[in-house]
């Protein structure tokens, strides 16, 4: 059974940083596109960043230049380094894996439980 477990969330002041982690099990991690999504209160879930099995990345415009997604295939772990955090970054952040193994990224098939990030001004 696929399991994605996030950690690293917390409360920080504007301008601060957090490093989110996601440990995956139950799938051939290195063969899947992985990603981070977030959902703020009253808002739809949105894509933050994705990284393919080969390390190709893409970012939402709102986080580009501030966040970095990376993966360590030897540890089955996904990371999101968040810098220069703003109050509007406050949300529950979810780790996600694609439904199917592929070269690029497509539809999400699996979700983690989420980790809360709160940024105060």
C-alpha atoms as a PDB file:
ATOM      1  CA  UNK A   1       0.000   0.000   0.000  1.00  0.00           C
ATOM      2  CA  UNK A   2       1.351   3.404  -0.963  1.00  0.00           C
ATOM      3  CA  UNK A   3       2.138   5.696   1.935  1.00  0.00           C
ATOM      4  CA  UNK A   4       3.443   9.254   1.815  1.00  0.00           C
ATOM      5  CA  UNK A   5       4.421  10.809   5.132  1.00  0.00           C
ATOM      6  CA  UNK A   6       5.223  14.520   5.361  1.00  0.00           C
ATOM      7  CA  UNK A   7       7.154  16.326   8.061  1.00  0.00           C
ATOM      8  CA  UNK A   8       8.866  19.657   8.632  1.00  0.00           C
ATOM      9  CA  UNK A   9       5.904  21.995   8.844  1.00  0.00           C
ATOM     10  CA  UNK A  10       5.591  24.599  11.551  1.00  0.00           C
ATOM     11  CA  UNK A  11       5.119  28.264  12.372  1.00  0.00           C
ATOM     12  CA  UNK A  12       7.540  30.939  11.200  1.00  0.00           C
ATOM     13  CA  UNK A  13       7.677  34.689  10.759  1.00  0.00           C
ATOM     14  CA  UNK A  14       7.654  36.384   7.375  1.00  0.00           C
ATOM     15  CA  UNK A  15      10.995  35.916   5.662  1.00  0.00           C
ATOM     16  CA  UNK A  16      11.695  32.662   7.434  1.00  0.00           C
ATOM     17  CA  UNK A  17      12.382  29.230   5.994  1.00  0.00           C
ATOM     18  CA  UNK A  18      11.199  25.667   6.407  1.00  0.00           C
ATOM     19  CA  UNK A  19      12.325  22.400   4.868  1.00  0.00           C
ATOM     20  CA  UNK A  20       9.494  19.973   4.232  1.00  0.00           C
ATOM     21  CA  UNK A  21      10.163  16.270   3.776  1.00  0.00           C
ATOM     22  CA  UNK A  22       8.098  13.393   2.423  1.00  0.00           C
ATOM     23  CA  UNK A  23       9.073   9.750   2.851  1.00  0.00           C
ATOM     24  CA  UNK A  24       7.443   7.392   0.371  1.00  0.00           C
ATOM     25  CA  UNK A  25       6.805   3.662   0.670  1.00  0.00           C
ATOM     26  CA  UNK A  26       4.815   1.067  -1.238  1.00  0.00           C
ATOM     27  CA  UNK A  27       5.841   2.221  -4.706  1.00  0.00           C
ATOM     28  CA  UNK A  28       8.916   2.307  -6.896  1.00  0.00           C
ATOM     29  CA  UNK A  29       9.660   5.843  -5.801  1.00  0.00           C
ATOM     30  CA  UNK A  30      12.433   6.604  -8.270  1.00  0.00           C
ATOM     31  CA  UNK A  31      10.108   5.859 -11.216  1.00  0.00           C
ATOM     32  CA  UNK A  32       7.405   8.377 -10.283  1.00  0.00           C
ATOM     33  CA  UNK A  33       6.879  12.054 -10.707  1.00  0.00           C
ATOM     34  CA  UNK A  34       6.468  13.600  -7.261  1.00  0.00           C
ATOM     35  CA  UNK A  35       5.083  16.915  -6.160  1.00  0.00           C
ATOM     36  CA  UNK A  36       4.011  19.344  -3.492  1.00  0.00           C
ATOM     37  CA  UNK A  37       0.544  20.881  -3.373  1.00  0.00           C
ATOM     38  CA  UNK A  38      -1.024  23.208  -0.842  1.00  0.00           C
ATOM     39  CA  UNK A  39      -4.460  24.235   0.311  1.00  0.00           C
ATOM     40  CA  UNK A  40      -5.219  27.396   2.241  1.00  0.00           C
ATOM     41  CA  UNK A  41      -8.467  27.874   4.202  1.00  0.00           C
ATOM     42  CA  UNK A  42     -11.343  28.555   1.822  1.00  0.00           C
ATOM     43  CA  UNK A  43      -9.168  27.992  -1.241  1.00  0.00           C
ATOM     44  CA  UNK A  44      -8.767  25.203  -3.766  1.00  0.00           C
ATOM     45  CA  UNK A  45      -5.787  22.910  -3.603  1.00  0.00           C
ATOM     46  CA  UNK A  46      -3.041  24.184  -5.892  1.00  0.00           C
ATOM     47  CA  UNK A  47       0.144  22.793  -7.343  1.00  0.00           C
ATOM     48  CA  UNK A  48       3.289  24.232  -5.783  1.00  0.00           C
ATOM     49  CA  UNK A  49       6.051  22.246  -7.475  1.00  0.00           C
ATOM     50  CA  UNK A  50       6.625  18.985  -9.352  1.00  0.00           C
ATOM     51  CA  UNK A  51       9.743  16.955 -10.078  1.00  0.00           C
ATOM     52  CA  UNK A  52       9.987  14.152 -12.621  1.00  0.00           C
ATOM     53  CA  UNK A  53      11.778  10.855 -12.208  1.00  0.00           C
ATOM     54  CA  UNK A  54      14.741  12.423 -14.004  1.00  0.00           C
ATOM     55  CA  UNK A  55      14.801  15.598 -11.936  1.00  0.00           C
ATOM     56  CA  UNK A  56      12.996  18.005 -14.256  1.00  0.00           C
ATOM     57  CA  UNK A  57      11.206  20.611 -12.141  1.00  0.00           C
ATOM     58  CA  UNK A  58       8.385  23.101 -12.481  1.00  0.00           C
ATOM     59  CA  UNK A  59       7.031  25.677 -10.034  1.00  0.00           C
ATOM     60  CA  UNK A  60       3.964  27.772  -9.481  1.00  0.00           C
ATOM     61  CA  UNK A  61       4.636  31.414 -10.326  1.00  0.00           C
ATOM     62  CA  UNK A  62       3.833  32.404  -6.755  1.00  0.00           C
ATOM     63  CA  UNK A  63       6.762  30.406  -5.340  1.00  0.00           C
ATOM     64  CA  UNK A  64       9.299  30.545  -8.155  1.00  0.00           C
ATOM     65  CA  UNK A  65      12.634  31.813  -6.907  1.00  0.00           C
ATOM     66  CA  UNK A  66      11.739  31.137  -3.278  1.00  0.00           C
ATOM     67  CA  UNK A  67      11.018  27.397  -3.123  1.00  0.00           C
ATOM     68  CA  UNK A  68      13.140  24.481  -4.318  1.00  0.00           C
ATOM     69  CA  UNK A  69      11.878  20.944  -4.871  1.00  0.00           C
ATOM     70  CA  UNK A  70      14.347  18.059  -4.822  1.00  0.00           C
ATOM     71  CA  UNK A  71      14.417  14.309  -4.399  1.00  0.00           C
ATOM     72  CA  UNK A  72      16.755  11.723  -2.924  1.00  0.00           C
ATOM     73  CA  UNK A  73      15.918   8.450  -4.640  1.00  0.00           C
ATOM     74  CA  UNK A  74      18.257   6.450  -2.410  1.00  0.00           C
ATOM     75  CA  UNK A  75      16.187   7.538   0.612  1.00  0.00           C
ATOM     76  CA  UNK A  76      12.757   7.497  -1.091  1.00  0.00           C
ATOM     77  CA  UNK A  77      12.421  11.073   0.090  1.00  0.00           C
ATOM     78  CA  UNK A  78      11.039  14.254  -1.450  1.00  0.00           C
ATOM     79  CA  UNK A  79      11.944  17.721  -0.167  1.00  0.00           C
ATOM     80  CA  UNK A  80      10.628  21.235  -0.455  1.00  0.00           C
ATOM     81  CA  UNK A  81      12.939  23.991   0.701  1.00  0.00           C
ATOM     82  CA  UNK A  82      10.853  27.093   1.364  1.00  0.00           C
ATOM     83  CA  UNK A  83      12.650  30.430   1.720  1.00  0.00           C
ATOM     84  CA  UNK A  84      11.450  34.007   2.107  1.00  0.00           C
ATOM     85  CA  UNK A  85       8.102  32.779   3.364  1.00  0.00           C
ATOM     86  CA  UNK A  86       5.108  35.103   3.208  1.00  0.00           C
ATOM     87  CA  UNK A  87       1.799  35.032   5.099  1.00  0.00           C
ATOM     88  CA  UNK A  88       0.076  34.013   1.863  1.00  0.00           C
ATOM     89  CA  UNK A  89       2.138  30.807   1.912  1.00  0.00           C
ATOM     90  CA  UNK A  90       0.142  29.681   4.940  1.00  0.00           C
ATOM     91  CA  UNK A  91      -1.551  26.407   4.027  1.00  0.00           C
ATOM     92  CA  UNK A  92      -1.563  22.689   4.506  1.00  0.00           C
ATOM     93  CA  UNK A  93       1.158  21.262   2.282  1.00  0.00           C
ATOM     94  CA  UNK A  94       0.621  17.856   0.722  1.00  0.00           C
ATOM     95  CA  UNK A  95       3.099  15.444  -0.776  1.00  0.00           C
ATOM     96  CA  UNK A  96       1.859  13.697  -3.917  1.00  0.00           C
ATOM     97  CA  UNK A  97       2.881  10.931  -6.298  1.00  0.00           C
ATOM     98  CA  UNK A  98       1.622  10.396  -9.837  1.00  0.00           C
ATOM     99  CA  UNK A  99      -0.859   7.630 -10.602  1.00  0.00           C
ATOM    100  CA  UNK A 100       1.453   5.962 -13.111  1.00  0.00           C
ATOM    101  CA  UNK A 101       5.167   5.698 -13.658  1.00  0.00           C
ATOM    102  CA  UNK A 102       6.190   7.851 -16.611  1.00  0.00           C
ATOM    103  CA  UNK A 103       8.967  10.011 -17.957  1.00  0.00           C
ATOM    104  CA  UNK A 104       7.281  13.302 -17.109  1.00  0.00           C
ATOM    105  CA  UNK A 105       4.466  14.349 -14.772  1.00  0.00           C
ATOM    106  CA  UNK A 106       0.721  13.832 -15.157  1.00  0.00           C
ATOM    107  CA  UNK A 107      -2.241  13.034 -12.891  1.00  0.00           C
ATOM    108  CA  UNK A 108      -1.719  12.590  -9.169  1.00  0.00           C
ATOM    109  CA  UNK A 109      -2.637   9.177  -7.811  1.00  0.00           C
ATOM    110  CA  UNK A 110      -1.516   9.299  -4.192  1.00  0.00           C
ATOM    111  CA  UNK A 111      -1.543  11.902  -1.419  1.00  0.00           C
ATOM    112  CA  UNK A 112       0.089  12.331   1.941  1.00  0.00           C
ATOM    113  CA  UNK A 113      -1.754  13.442   5.057  1.00  0.00           C
ATOM    114  CA  UNK A 114      -0.460  16.999   4.879  1.00  0.00           C
ATOM    115  CA  UNK A 115       1.697  19.179   7.092  1.00  0.00           C
ATOM    116  CA  UNK A 116       0.713  22.644   8.300  1.00  0.00           C
ATOM    117  CA  UNK A 117       2.799  25.674   7.403  1.00  0.00           C
ATOM    118  CA  UNK A 118       1.869  28.922   9.139  1.00  0.00           C
ATOM    119  CA  UNK A 119       3.598  32.210   8.322  1.00  0.00           C
ATOM    120  CA  UNK A 120       2.930  35.263  10.476  1.00  0.00           C
ATOM    121  CA  UNK A 121       3.639  38.890   9.631  1.00  0.00           C
END
